Amino acid sequence: MHNRILVLAPFGRDAKVIKEVLAPRQIEIHICADAASLVEELGKESAGTIITEETLAQDLVDSLRLLLGRQPPWSDYPFVVLAARQTVRRSDRARLALQELSNLVLLERPVNPDTLASAVQSALRARRRQYLTREHLAELQQSKHSVERLNNDLETRIAERTVDLASANDRLMHEMVERERVENSRVQNQKMEALGRLTGGIAHDFNNLLHVVTLNLQLIERMAPKEDRIRNFARQAKEAVERGSRLTGQLLSFARTQSLVPKLHDANELIRNMADLIAISVGAQVKLSLALSSGPAHVVVDAAQMEMAILNLAVNSRDAMPKGGSLEIRTDIDAGYTGHDESGGRAYPLGAVHVTVRDTGEGIAPNLLSKVFDPFFTTKQHGGTGLGLSQVYGFARQSGGRAQVNSELGRGTSVRMSFPLSPSQEHEVAGREMQAQQPMASGQPAEILVVEDDPAVRRSMVESLQVLGFRVREAADGMAGLLELENGRPDLLLVDYLMPRMNGAELIAQARGMYGDLPVLMATGYADMNDVERLIGPQSVLPKPFDLDTLAKAVATELRQARPASDEVLQPPCQKT
C-alpha cells in the first residue's frame, strides 16, 4: 500500500493515460470514479493522489481540508494537480482551492509523460520517508514505555526492600540513581540513532540536488571557456554549493556509526572548514574567534572524531556562558614539547600540535577538576549525558596524544588536546594524484555502467562521463542494472546506494558474483556506509556532491587498479571540452 497512487480524473481519457504512463514503472494505480470514492480511499493507506483541477469542487475541497487537518504530525500527504492550460487568469475560487492542498506539485496540461512520472516518483520517495519517520517515532515511543516500565519495576523493588539500616537505604538510593542515569543514556542513544538514520535519508536527496548543480556548473564552464562572465557566475555558484556540501557533510559525520581510519590532516584546515558549523552551534550570544598557527599543523587523526571533539568542547563552552561570552579556538606548534611514554621515552619526537578551546564562562570548581574526564560525570544540572569530555579524552589518547583541562571559577575554562606533530607528506600525495591522473594505455575508451534511480542525477553523471571521453551505459534502478550486467560486462560499475527494489550494496554483491574482478565505484550522499565499506572498501566510495575532477580521478584510479598497464581498455583517449 506504500506504493499506491490514487487518481481522480473522471473526464475524458485522463485517468486511462495516467495509468498507461505509471503502471509500467511498477506504481500501483487506483482510479477513483468520483469525489466520494476518493475521500473514501484517502481513509486507507496510500502514497499520494493525482487529481485534475476541474474536479476541485467546494464539497471535495472541504472534505480534503478535514482529512488533512486530521493528519498525524509525521504526515504531509502529497498531491499532484493536473492544471488546465491557463489562457486566462485563474479564478479566486480555484486559487484558494489549490492553496488548501499544502503539499502539491502543479503540472500544466498537456503533461510530458516523463515529467508526470518524475513528479509521482518524487512524491513516492517523500511519502516513504514519512513512513520511516512514523516507524522511528513508534520505536522511540516503545523505548519510552520500556524505560517507564523498568523504572516502575525498580521503584517497586526499592519499596519492597525497604530496611531499617541507613546503610541499606544508601545502597538502594545509589542503585536507583545509577539505573536512571544508564536508562536515560540508553534512551538518548536510541534517539540519536533514529535521528541519524532519518538525517541520512534526507541528506541523500539533498546531496543529489547539490550533485546535479555542481556537475552542470562545471559543464557550463567547459562549454563556455571564453565567456568570462558566465565562468565567473558559475564559479560563484559552485562556491555556494561547496559550502552547503561541507555543512551537510559535517552534520552527517556526527551521525556516522562506522569506525573511520586516521589520516594525515592539517588541524588548521579542519578547524577553518567547521567554523561555520561551530558558530551556528554556539549561537549569536557567543563571540567565536580563531587563533591558528601561521604554518600547517599536520597531525594523524580521524577527521570526523576530531571535529566531534571540537564541537563537543564548543557546545560545553556555550552551556557555561548562558548570558554570552567569548570562545577562542587556537592551535600552536610546540617543537620543544616532548612528553614521555610509559617506558620513559620521548612520546613526541617532532614536537606537538596543541588544539585549545578556551571560554569565558562560569568555570569549574577545583574539587571537580579531577573528575571532568570520568564517564557519566557532568556539572550540568539539567540534561547532559556526562560522556562529552570522556569522549574527548578517549579520542586524544587513541590518537597518541593527551587532553588537559584548566579552569577557574568565574574566569572560564580551557581544554587543550595535544597530538604528535607529523611530517608533511604533500609531495607524496601530489605524486600519487598525478600518477592516478596519467593515462596508462591508449586504445578504446573504457565503458562505464551508471546505475542511479534519480533521473536528473543520472543524466548529469552520464553527460559528465561522456564529456570526460568514456563510453556510458545507464540503468534506472538496481534491477535494471542487473539486466544490463547480464547483457555484457562493463569496465566499471558506477552505482548509487539508496535505490528502490535493490540498493547499491545488493547490486554490487550480485555483480561480484557474476564478474569477480569487476571495478566498482559507489556514488552516494547517504551517511551510514558500514555495509558498503565492508563490501568494496572506503577508497571506492565517492561521496556526493563531487566535481568533474574528482570523478575523473576516482574512475581512473579504479580502472588502473583493476587492470595492468598493458591492457588496452583503461582510459578515455582524451577529455572533451
Protein backbone atom coordinates (compact mmCIF):
# COMPACT_ATOMS: atom_id res chain seq x y z
CA MET A 1 0.00 0.00 0.00
CA HIS A 2 3.02 2.27 0.37
CA ASN A 3 3.28 2.30 -3.45
CA ARG A 4 -0.40 3.05 -4.16
CA ILE A 5 -1.33 6.25 -6.03
CA LEU A 6 -4.98 7.43 -6.13
CA VAL A 7 -6.23 9.06 -9.35
CA LEU A 8 -9.31 11.30 -9.69
CA ALA A 9 -9.64 12.28 -13.35
CA PRO A 10 -13.22 11.44 -14.39
CA PHE A 11 -13.29 13.49 -17.61
CA GLY A 12 -12.05 12.27 -20.96
CA ARG A 13 -9.13 9.82 -21.20
CA ASP A 14 -7.04 11.43 -18.44
CA ALA A 15 -7.31 8.52 -15.97
CA LYS A 16 -6.52 5.92 -18.62
CA VAL A 17 -3.50 7.84 -19.91
CA ILE A 18 -2.15 8.34 -16.36
CA LYS A 19 -2.40 4.61 -15.70
CA GLU A 20 -0.67 3.77 -19.01
CA VAL A 21 2.22 6.10 -18.10
CA LEU A 22 2.74 4.96 -14.50
CA ALA A 23 1.83 1.26 -14.50
CA PRO A 24 4.97 0.17 -16.46
CA ARG A 25 7.04 1.85 -13.71
CA GLN A 26 5.69 -0.61 -11.09
CA ILE A 27 3.48 2.05 -9.48
CA GLU A 28 0.12 0.74 -8.23
CA ILE A 29 -2.70 2.92 -9.61
CA HIS A 30 -6.20 3.09 -8.11
CA ILE A 31 -8.66 5.11 -10.24
CA CYS A 32 -11.49 6.76 -8.30
CA ALA A 33 -14.76 7.19 -10.15
CA ASP A 34 -15.83 10.33 -8.31
CA ALA A 35 -15.01 12.63 -5.40
CA ALA A 36 -16.85 10.47 -2.86
CA SER A 37 -14.82 7.37 -3.72
CA LEU A 38 -11.61 9.43 -3.50
CA VAL A 39 -12.49 10.61 0.01
CA GLU A 40 -13.26 7.00 0.99
CA GLU A 41 -9.91 5.73 -0.38
CA LEU A 42 -8.00 8.52 1.35
CA GLY A 43 -9.06 6.96 4.63
CA LYS A 44 -6.90 3.94 3.72
CA GLU A 45 -3.15 3.68 3.17
CA SER A 46 -1.90 5.47 0.03
CA ALA A 47 1.29 7.25 -1.02
CA GLY A 48 -0.22 10.19 -2.91
CA THR A 49 -3.06 11.44 -5.12
CA ILE A 50 -3.20 12.68 -8.74
CA ILE A 51 -6.18 14.96 -9.29
CA THR A 52 -7.35 17.16 -12.16
CA GLU A 53 -8.04 20.80 -11.35
CA GLU A 54 -11.58 20.80 -12.70
CA THR A 55 -12.67 18.22 -10.06
CA LEU A 56 -11.80 20.53 -7.15
CA ALA A 57 -15.37 21.49 -6.28
CA GLN A 58 -16.09 23.13 -2.93
CA ASP A 59 -17.53 19.95 -1.39
CA LEU A 60 -14.39 17.99 -2.27
CA VAL A 61 -12.11 20.78 -1.01
CA ASP A 62 -14.00 20.87 2.32
CA SER A 63 -13.65 17.09 2.68
CA LEU A 64 -9.93 17.22 1.87
CA ARG A 65 -9.43 20.04 4.38
CA LEU A 66 -10.97 17.89 7.12
CA LEU A 67 -8.87 14.84 6.18
CA LEU A 68 -5.61 16.82 6.01
CA GLY A 69 -6.38 18.52 9.32
CA ARG A 70 -6.55 15.10 10.99
CA GLN A 71 -3.12 14.04 9.71
CA PRO A 72 -0.64 12.88 12.39
CA PRO A 73 2.42 15.13 12.95
CA TRP A 74 4.69 12.93 10.80
CA SER A 75 2.40 13.07 7.73
CA ASP A 76 2.37 15.64 4.92
CA TYR A 77 0.22 13.95 2.28
CA PRO A 78 1.35 14.81 -1.31
CA PHE A 79 -0.90 15.80 -4.22
CA VAL A 80 -0.08 16.13 -7.93
CA VAL A 81 -2.62 18.51 -9.54
CA LEU A 82 -3.01 18.44 -13.32
CA ALA A 83 -4.00 22.01 -14.19
CA ALA A 84 -5.67 23.10 -17.39
CA ARG A 85 -3.62 25.36 -19.69
CA GLN A 86 -4.14 28.88 -18.28
CA THR A 87 -5.31 31.06 -21.15
CA VAL A 88 -6.96 33.37 -18.63
CA ARG A 89 -6.13 34.22 -15.05
CA ARG A 90 -7.19 31.52 -12.58
CA SER A 91 -10.27 32.44 -10.55
CA ASP A 92 -10.02 33.28 -6.86
CA ARG A 93 -12.08 30.20 -6.02
CA ALA A 94 -9.73 27.91 -7.94
CA ARG A 95 -6.66 29.56 -6.47
CA LEU A 96 -8.00 29.19 -2.90
CA ALA A 97 -8.89 25.57 -3.58
CA LEU A 98 -5.30 24.84 -4.63
CA GLN A 99 -3.96 26.59 -1.55
CA GLU A 100 -5.89 24.15 0.65
CA LEU A 101 -3.58 21.38 -0.65
CA SER A 102 -0.36 22.47 1.07
CA ASN A 103 1.94 19.71 -0.29
CA LEU A 104 1.28 19.73 -4.02
CA VAL A 105 3.03 19.72 -7.37
CA LEU A 106 1.13 21.68 -10.02
CA LEU A 107 1.61 20.40 -13.60
CA GLU A 108 0.05 22.25 -16.52
CA ARG A 109 -1.51 20.06 -19.20
CA PRO A 110 -0.60 18.71 -21.60
CA VAL A 111 1.96 16.97 -19.37
CA ASN A 112 5.07 15.22 -20.67
CA PRO A 113 4.95 11.53 -19.53
CA ASP A 114 8.46 11.70 -18.07
CA THR A 115 7.56 14.87 -16.16
CA LEU A 116 4.48 13.21 -14.69
CA ALA A 117 6.44 10.07 -13.80
CA SER A 118 9.21 12.11 -12.16
CA ALA A 119 6.72 14.11 -10.08
CA VAL A 120 4.94 10.95 -8.91
CA GLN A 121 8.23 9.20 -8.07
CA SER A 122 9.35 12.24 -6.05
CA ALA A 123 6.04 12.12 -4.15
CA LEU A 124 6.57 8.38 -3.51
CA ARG A 125 10.07 8.98 -2.15
CA ALA A 126 8.83 11.75 0.12
CA ARG A 127 5.97 9.56 1.39
CA ARG A 128 8.36 6.65 2.07
CA ARG A 129 10.49 8.96 4.22
CA GLN A 130 7.33 9.96 6.12
CA TYR A 131 6.56 6.27 6.75
CA LEU A 132 10.15 5.78 8.00
CA THR A 133 9.63 8.72 10.35
CA ARG A 134 6.44 7.07 11.64
CA GLU A 135 8.34 3.84 12.31
CA HIS A 136 11.13 5.70 14.11
CA LEU A 137 8.62 7.59 16.26
CA ALA A 138 6.94 4.30 17.12
CA GLU A 139 10.31 2.85 18.11
CA LEU A 140 11.02 5.86 20.32
CA GLN A 141 7.59 5.58 21.94
CA GLN A 142 8.16 1.87 22.56
CA SER A 143 11.55 2.64 24.12
CA LYS A 144 9.94 5.27 26.32
CA HIS A 145 7.32 2.77 27.54
CA SER A 146 10.08 0.24 28.17
CA VAL A 147 12.07 2.72 30.24
CA GLU A 148 8.95 3.74 32.18
CA ARG A 149 8.18 0.09 32.86
CA LEU A 150 11.73 -0.56 34.02
CA ASN A 151 11.64 2.50 36.27
CA ASN A 152 8.31 1.41 37.72
CA ASP A 153 9.71 -2.08 38.36
CA LEU A 154 12.79 -0.56 40.01
CA GLU A 155 10.71 1.68 42.27
CA THR A 156 8.54 -1.29 43.22
CA ARG A 157 11.56 -3.38 44.15
CA ILE A 158 13.01 -0.49 46.18
CA ALA A 159 9.73 -0.09 48.07
CA GLU A 160 9.55 -3.85 48.80
CA ARG A 161 13.18 -3.94 50.02
CA THR A 162 12.90 -1.08 52.49
CA VAL A 163 15.09 -1.86 55.51
CA ASP A 164 15.80 -0.14 58.78
CA LEU A 165 19.52 0.22 58.40
CA ALA A 166 20.74 3.54 57.00
CA SER A 167 23.48 1.81 55.02
CA ALA A 168 20.91 -0.34 53.18
CA ASN A 169 18.89 2.76 52.32
CA ASP A 170 22.00 4.44 50.95
CA ARG A 171 22.77 1.46 48.70
CA LEU A 172 19.22 1.40 47.36
CA MET A 173 19.25 5.12 46.60
CA HIS A 174 22.58 4.78 44.84
CA GLU A 175 21.23 1.91 42.72
CA MET A 176 18.17 3.93 41.72
CA VAL A 177 20.22 6.96 40.65
CA GLU A 178 22.67 4.89 38.64
CA ARG A 179 19.88 2.90 36.98
CA GLU A 180 18.03 6.05 35.96
CA ARG A 181 21.24 7.55 34.57
CA VAL A 182 22.00 4.45 32.49
CA GLU A 183 18.42 4.19 31.22
CA ASN A 184 18.34 7.87 30.28
CA SER A 185 21.63 7.43 28.42
CA ARG A 186 20.16 4.43 26.59
CA VAL A 187 17.07 6.38 25.52
CA GLN A 188 19.25 9.27 24.35
CA ASN A 189 21.41 6.91 22.29
CA GLN A 190 18.33 5.37 20.69
CA LYS A 191 17.01 8.83 19.82
CA MET A 192 20.34 9.80 18.27
CA GLU A 193 20.47 6.57 16.26
CA ALA A 194 16.96 7.12 14.90
CA LEU A 195 17.78 10.75 14.12
CA GLY A 196 20.96 9.67 12.33
CA ARG A 197 19.04 7.23 10.11
CA LEU A 198 16.41 9.84 9.31
CA THR A 199 19.04 12.52 8.64
CA GLY A 200 20.92 10.17 6.36
CA GLY A 201 17.84 9.57 4.20
CA ILE A 202 17.04 13.26 3.92
CA ALA A 203 20.67 14.16 3.20
CA HIS A 204 20.73 11.59 0.39
CA ASP A 205 18.18 13.59 -1.61
CA PHE A 206 19.75 16.93 -0.64
CA ASN A 207 23.20 15.78 -1.76
CA ASN A 208 21.66 14.57 -5.03
CA LEU A 209 20.42 18.13 -5.68
CA LEU A 210 23.83 19.61 -4.87
CA HIS A 211 25.45 16.98 -7.07
CA VAL A 212 23.36 17.87 -10.13
CA VAL A 213 24.08 21.59 -9.63
CA THR A 214 27.84 21.00 -9.24
CA LEU A 215 28.28 18.88 -12.35
CA ASN A 216 26.11 21.13 -14.52
CA LEU A 217 28.05 24.21 -13.41
CA GLN A 218 31.28 22.52 -14.43
CA LEU A 219 29.81 21.53 -17.76
CA ILE A 220 28.82 25.18 -18.30
CA GLU A 221 32.39 26.26 -17.55
CA ARG A 222 33.83 23.78 -20.01
CA MET A 223 31.39 24.60 -22.80
CA ALA A 224 31.89 28.39 -22.49
CA PRO A 225 35.64 28.71 -21.91
CA LYS A 226 35.85 32.21 -23.41
CA GLU A 227 32.81 33.67 -21.68
CA ASP A 228 34.41 35.23 -18.60
CA ARG A 229 31.15 36.48 -17.11
CA ILE A 230 29.49 33.08 -17.44
CA ARG A 231 32.54 31.35 -15.91
CA ASN A 232 32.54 33.88 -13.06
CA PHE A 233 28.84 33.31 -12.35
CA ALA A 234 29.40 29.53 -12.43
CA ARG A 235 32.38 29.82 -10.08
CA GLN A 236 30.38 31.83 -7.53
CA ALA A 237 27.53 29.34 -7.68
CA LYS A 238 30.00 26.45 -7.20
CA GLU A 239 31.42 28.11 -4.10
CA ALA A 240 27.94 28.33 -2.59
CA VAL A 241 27.28 24.67 -3.44
CA GLU A 242 30.59 23.64 -1.88
CA ARG A 243 29.71 25.46 1.32
CA GLY A 244 26.34 23.72 1.52
CA SER A 245 28.01 20.39 0.81
CA ARG A 246 30.60 20.99 3.52
CA LEU A 247 27.97 21.83 6.14
CA THR A 248 25.91 18.76 5.20
CA GLY A 249 28.98 16.54 5.33
CA GLN A 250 29.93 17.82 8.78
CA LEU A 251 26.45 17.19 10.15
CA LEU A 252 26.43 13.70 8.69
CA SER A 253 29.84 12.87 10.11
CA PHE A 254 28.39 13.18 13.63
CA ALA A 255 25.68 10.61 12.79
CA ARG A 256 28.17 8.03 11.40
CA THR A 257 28.37 4.65 13.13
CA GLN A 258 31.37 3.14 11.32
CA SER A 259 34.95 3.24 12.52
CA LEU A 260 36.98 5.69 10.45
CA VAL A 261 40.69 5.44 9.67
CA PRO A 262 43.12 8.08 10.99
CA LYS A 263 44.85 10.01 8.17
CA LEU A 264 47.21 12.94 7.81
CA HIS A 265 45.32 16.25 8.22
CA ASP A 266 46.12 19.90 8.78
CA ALA A 267 44.40 20.75 12.08
CA ASN A 268 44.14 24.39 10.98
CA GLU A 269 42.26 23.42 7.82
CA LEU A 270 39.88 21.14 9.74
CA ILE A 271 39.02 23.98 12.14
CA ARG A 272 38.56 26.54 9.34
CA ASN A 273 36.21 24.19 7.47
CA MET A 274 33.96 23.69 10.51
CA ALA A 275 34.00 27.32 11.70
CA ASP A 276 30.52 27.99 10.26
CA LEU A 277 29.10 24.91 11.99
CA ILE A 278 30.64 25.92 15.33
CA ALA A 279 29.28 29.47 15.01
CA ILE A 280 25.77 28.13 14.35
CA SER A 281 26.02 25.66 17.27
CA VAL A 282 27.13 28.20 19.91
CA GLY A 283 24.68 30.91 18.85
CA ALA A 284 24.86 34.66 18.34
CA GLN A 285 25.49 35.47 22.03
CA VAL A 286 28.90 33.80 21.93
CA LYS A 287 31.71 35.58 20.06
CA LEU A 288 33.82 32.99 18.23
CA SER A 289 37.45 33.71 17.31
CA LEU A 290 40.14 31.54 15.71
CA ALA A 291 43.83 31.93 16.55
CA LEU A 292 45.53 29.40 14.28
CA SER A 293 49.25 28.82 13.86
CA SER A 294 50.96 30.54 10.94
CA GLY A 295 52.22 27.27 9.46
CA PRO A 296 50.36 24.00 8.77
CA ALA A 297 49.72 21.85 11.84
CA HIS A 298 49.91 18.29 10.49
CA VAL A 299 48.53 15.52 12.70
CA VAL A 300 47.42 11.94 12.07
CA VAL A 301 43.83 11.81 13.35
CA ASP A 302 40.36 10.70 12.41
CA ALA A 303 38.89 13.89 10.92
CA ALA A 304 35.27 13.12 11.92
CA GLN A 305 36.23 12.36 15.54
CA MET A 306 38.44 15.47 15.66
CA GLU A 307 35.53 17.63 14.50
CA MET A 308 33.21 15.91 17.00
CA ALA A 309 35.64 16.56 19.86
CA ILE A 310 35.99 20.27 19.00
CA LEU A 311 32.22 20.66 18.60
CA ASN A 312 31.62 18.92 21.95
CA LEU A 313 34.00 21.35 23.65
CA ALA A 314 32.39 24.34 21.90
CA VAL A 315 28.88 23.27 23.00
CA ASN A 316 30.12 22.75 26.58
CA SER A 317 31.56 26.28 26.50
CA ARG A 318 28.24 27.67 25.23
CA ASP A 319 26.39 25.99 28.11
CA ALA A 320 28.87 27.52 30.55
CA MET A 321 28.07 31.03 29.19
CA PRO A 322 24.26 31.33 29.42
CA LYS A 323 24.48 35.13 29.13
CA GLY A 324 27.03 35.05 26.32
CA GLY A 325 30.77 35.45 26.24
CA SER A 326 33.87 34.73 24.16
CA LEU A 327 35.03 31.43 22.72
CA GLU A 328 38.53 31.04 21.28
CA ILE A 329 39.86 28.06 19.35
CA ARG A 330 43.61 28.18 18.82
CA THR A 331 46.37 25.94 17.54
CA ASP A 332 50.05 26.06 18.48
CA ILE A 333 53.04 24.14 17.17
CA ASP A 334 55.35 23.31 20.06
CA ALA A 335 58.58 21.89 18.62
CA GLY A 336 60.09 21.54 22.08
CA TYR A 337 57.21 19.56 23.55
CA THR A 338 58.46 16.07 24.35
CA GLY A 339 56.15 14.26 26.76
CA HIS A 340 57.11 10.76 27.83
CA ASP A 341 55.60 7.41 27.09
CA GLU A 342 55.21 4.65 29.69
CA SER A 343 58.77 3.42 29.11
CA GLY A 344 60.21 6.89 29.74
CA GLY A 345 60.98 7.57 26.07
CA ARG A 346 60.14 10.64 24.04
CA ALA A 347 56.45 10.42 23.01
CA TYR A 348 56.53 13.47 20.66
CA PRO A 349 59.71 13.11 18.55
CA LEU A 350 58.92 16.13 16.31
CA GLY A 351 57.05 18.14 18.92
CA ALA A 352 53.32 18.60 19.35
CA VAL A 353 50.29 20.36 17.92
CA HIS A 354 48.14 21.87 20.69
CA VAL A 355 44.43 22.47 19.94
CA THR A 356 42.91 24.63 22.69
CA VAL A 357 39.26 25.56 23.25
CA ARG A 358 39.00 28.43 25.76
CA ASP A 359 35.86 30.19 27.04
CA THR A 360 35.00 32.99 29.48
CA GLY A 361 32.27 31.02 31.22
CA GLU A 362 31.43 30.12 34.79
CA GLY A 363 34.39 27.80 35.29
CA ILE A 364 34.68 24.54 37.24
CA ALA A 365 35.25 24.19 40.98
CA PRO A 366 38.78 22.99 41.89
CA ASN A 367 37.48 19.89 43.70
CA LEU A 368 35.73 18.75 40.49
CA LEU A 369 38.59 19.21 38.00
CA SER A 370 39.98 15.72 38.62
CA LYS A 371 36.60 14.15 37.70
CA VAL A 372 35.67 16.00 34.49
CA PHE A 373 37.05 13.25 32.22
CA ASP A 374 35.22 10.47 34.10
CA PRO A 375 32.39 8.78 32.14
CA PHE A 376 28.88 9.90 33.19
CA PHE A 377 30.25 12.77 35.27
CA THR A 378 28.55 16.09 34.47
CA THR A 379 28.29 19.52 36.06
CA LYS A 380 25.08 20.34 34.16
CA GLN A 381 22.01 20.44 36.40
CA HIS A 382 19.60 19.57 33.58
CA GLY A 383 20.41 17.27 30.70
CA GLY A 384 23.86 16.13 29.73
CA THR A 385 24.99 12.51 29.49
CA GLY A 386 28.39 13.06 31.10
CA LEU A 387 30.06 11.47 28.08
CA GLY A 388 31.24 14.55 26.14
CA LEU A 389 34.57 15.20 27.87
CA SER A 390 35.26 11.48 28.33
CA GLN A 391 34.91 11.06 24.55
CA VAL A 392 37.33 13.95 24.01
CA TYR A 393 39.82 12.36 26.41
CA GLY A 394 39.47 8.92 24.79
CA PHE A 395 39.89 10.34 21.28
CA ALA A 396 43.06 12.21 22.25
CA ARG A 397 44.58 9.13 23.88
CA GLN A 398 43.67 6.86 20.95
CA SER A 399 45.34 9.36 18.61
CA GLY A 400 48.60 9.15 20.54
CA GLY A 401 48.02 12.42 22.38
CA ARG A 402 46.55 13.70 25.62
CA ALA A 403 43.90 16.10 26.93
CA GLN A 404 44.20 18.58 29.79
CA VAL A 405 41.73 20.96 31.41
CA ASN A 406 42.37 24.16 33.33
CA SER A 407 39.60 26.21 34.91
CA GLU A 408 38.97 28.93 37.45
CA LEU A 409 35.60 29.83 38.90
CA GLY A 410 34.23 32.99 37.34
CA ARG A 411 37.06 33.25 34.77
CA GLY A 412 36.40 30.42 32.34
CA THR A 413 37.71 27.04 31.23
CA SER A 414 40.44 25.94 28.83
CA VAL A 415 40.66 22.41 27.38
CA ARG A 416 43.84 21.55 25.46
CA MET A 417 44.31 18.49 23.23
CA SER A 418 47.91 17.69 22.29
CA PHE A 419 48.81 15.49 19.30
CA PRO A 420 52.20 14.37 17.94
CA LEU A 421 53.35 16.67 15.14
CA SER A 422 53.58 14.73 11.85
CA PRO A 423 55.82 15.50 8.84
CA SER A 424 54.13 16.89 5.75
CA GLN A 425 53.54 14.34 3.01
CA GLU A 426 52.20 16.76 0.43
CA HIS A 427 54.83 15.84 -2.17
CA GLU A 428 53.97 12.13 -1.84
CA VAL A 429 50.23 12.80 -2.03
CA ALA A 430 50.69 15.06 -5.05
CA GLY A 431 52.82 12.41 -6.74
CA ARG A 432 50.16 9.76 -6.19
CA GLU A 433 47.42 12.06 -7.53
CA MET A 434 49.46 12.89 -10.63
CA GLN A 435 50.12 9.21 -11.19
CA ALA A 436 46.40 8.44 -10.81
CA GLN A 437 45.56 11.05 -13.45
CA GLN A 438 48.15 9.94 -16.05
CA PRO A 439 46.79 7.68 -18.77
CA MET A 440 48.25 4.20 -18.59
CA ALA A 441 47.46 2.98 -22.06
CA SER A 442 45.91 4.15 -25.24
CA GLY A 443 43.15 2.35 -27.02
CA GLN A 444 39.39 2.07 -26.87
CA PRO A 445 37.69 4.25 -24.20
CA ALA A 446 36.53 2.42 -21.09
CA GLU A 447 32.83 1.54 -20.83
CA ILE A 448 31.04 2.54 -17.63
CA LEU A 449 27.62 1.35 -16.44
CA VAL A 450 25.82 4.06 -14.39
CA VAL A 451 23.00 2.83 -12.11
CA GLU A 452 21.06 5.71 -10.47
CA ASP A 453 17.33 6.00 -9.74
CA ASP A 454 17.12 9.81 -9.77
CA PRO A 455 16.73 10.87 -13.45
CA ALA A 456 18.38 14.29 -13.03
CA VAL A 457 21.39 12.88 -11.18
CA ARG A 458 21.74 10.02 -13.66
CA ARG A 459 21.62 12.40 -16.61
CA SER A 460 24.29 14.70 -15.12
CA MET A 461 26.59 11.74 -14.37
CA VAL A 462 26.18 10.28 -17.85
CA GLU A 463 26.85 13.62 -19.55
CA SER A 464 29.88 14.26 -17.33
CA LEU A 465 31.41 10.86 -18.12
CA GLN A 466 30.78 11.41 -21.82
CA VAL A 467 32.48 14.80 -21.60
CA LEU A 468 35.45 13.02 -20.00
CA GLY A 469 35.54 10.69 -23.01
CA PHE A 470 34.10 7.44 -21.65
CA ARG A 471 31.51 5.19 -23.24
CA VAL A 472 28.45 5.06 -20.97
CA ARG A 473 25.53 2.71 -20.41
CA GLU A 474 22.83 3.57 -17.89
CA ALA A 475 20.11 1.93 -15.79
CA ALA A 476 17.30 3.47 -13.73
CA ASP A 477 17.46 1.15 -10.70
CA GLY A 478 19.13 -1.95 -9.29
CA MET A 479 17.01 -4.48 -11.18
CA ALA A 480 17.59 -2.68 -14.49
CA GLY A 481 21.30 -2.52 -13.68
CA LEU A 482 21.36 -6.28 -13.12
CA LEU A 483 19.81 -6.82 -16.56
CA GLU A 484 22.48 -4.55 -18.11
CA LEU A 485 25.18 -6.60 -16.40
CA GLU A 486 23.70 -9.78 -17.86
CA ASN A 487 23.85 -8.20 -21.33
CA GLY A 488 27.57 -7.56 -21.03
CA ARG A 489 30.44 -6.84 -18.65
CA PRO A 490 31.33 -3.11 -18.38
CA ASP A 491 34.83 -1.92 -17.49
CA LEU A 492 33.47 -0.14 -14.38
CA LEU A 493 30.21 -0.16 -12.39
CA LEU A 494 29.21 3.30 -11.01
CA VAL A 495 26.20 2.79 -8.72
CA ASP A 496 24.08 4.78 -6.27
CA TYR A 497 23.42 3.32 -2.80
CA LEU A 498 19.83 4.20 -1.83
CA MET A 499 17.53 2.86 -4.60
CA PRO A 500 14.11 1.12 -4.66
CA ARG A 501 13.76 -2.65 -5.05
CA MET A 502 17.52 -3.31 -4.86
CA ASN A 503 20.02 -0.99 -3.18
CA GLY A 504 23.56 -0.40 -4.36
CA ALA A 505 25.19 -2.81 -1.91
CA GLU A 506 22.91 -5.64 -3.05
CA LEU A 507 23.62 -4.86 -6.71
CA ILE A 508 27.39 -4.86 -6.08
CA ALA A 509 27.12 -8.27 -4.39
CA GLN A 510 25.24 -9.62 -7.43
CA ALA A 511 27.75 -8.04 -9.82
CA ARG A 512 30.71 -9.52 -7.92
CA GLY A 513 29.00 -12.91 -8.19
CA MET A 514 28.86 -12.53 -11.98
CA TYR A 515 32.23 -10.82 -12.51
CA GLY A 516 34.53 -11.30 -9.52
CA ASP A 517 37.10 -8.69 -10.60
CA LEU A 518 34.63 -6.00 -11.72
CA PRO A 519 35.80 -2.50 -10.61
CA VAL A 520 33.12 -0.68 -8.61
CA LEU A 521 32.54 2.92 -7.53
CA MET A 522 29.74 3.74 -5.08
CA ALA A 523 28.48 7.33 -5.62
CA THR A 524 26.28 8.27 -2.69
CA GLY A 525 25.10 11.07 -0.44
CA TYR A 526 24.00 8.64 2.29
CA ALA A 527 25.71 8.78 5.67
CA ASP A 528 25.76 5.29 7.17
CA MET A 529 28.03 3.30 4.84
CA ASN A 530 29.10 0.36 7.06
CA ASP A 531 27.82 -2.32 4.68
CA VAL A 532 29.31 -0.66 1.61
CA GLU A 533 32.76 -0.09 3.09
CA ARG A 534 32.92 -3.73 4.22
CA LEU A 535 31.98 -4.81 0.69
CA ILE A 536 34.15 -2.58 -1.51
CA GLY A 537 36.40 -0.63 0.88
CA PRO A 538 36.25 3.10 1.80
CA GLN A 539 38.53 4.09 -1.10
CA SER A 540 35.84 3.06 -3.61
CA VAL A 541 33.11 5.27 -2.10
CA LEU A 542 32.58 8.57 -3.96
CA PRO A 543 30.63 10.97 -1.69
CA LYS A 544 28.11 13.27 -3.37
CA PRO A 545 28.28 16.01 -4.43
CA PHE A 546 31.54 15.61 -6.39
CA ASP A 547 33.01 17.61 -9.28
CA LEU A 548 34.37 16.53 -12.65
CA ASP A 549 37.99 16.38 -11.48
CA THR A 550 37.10 14.17 -8.52
CA LEU A 551 35.00 11.91 -10.77
CA ALA A 552 37.82 11.63 -13.33
CA LYS A 553 40.43 10.76 -10.65
CA ALA A 554 38.19 8.18 -8.96
CA VAL A 555 37.32 6.45 -12.25
CA ALA A 556 40.95 6.47 -13.43
CA THR A 557 42.16 5.05 -10.11
CA GLU A 558 39.63 2.20 -10.10
CA LEU A 559 40.38 1.28 -13.71
CA ARG A 560 44.13 1.42 -13.12
CA GLN A 561 43.95 -0.78 -10.01
CA ALA A 562 41.71 -3.28 -11.76
CA ARG A 563 43.89 -3.79 -14.88
CA PRO A 564 47.63 -3.99 -15.54
CA ALA A 565 49.27 -1.24 -17.56
CA SER A 566 49.41 -3.46 -20.65
CA ASP A 567 45.64 -3.67 -21.03
CA GLU A 568 44.08 -1.66 -23.81
CA VAL A 569 40.77 -0.52 -22.30
CA LEU A 570 41.68 1.70 -19.36
CA GLN A 571 41.25 5.41 -20.00
CA PRO A 572 39.39 7.69 -22.36
CA PRO A 573 41.66 8.87 -25.19
CA CYS A 574 41.11 12.50 -24.21
CA GLN A 575 38.88 14.79 -22.20
CA LYS A 576 36.38 16.76 -24.24
CA THR A 577 35.96 20.47 -23.68
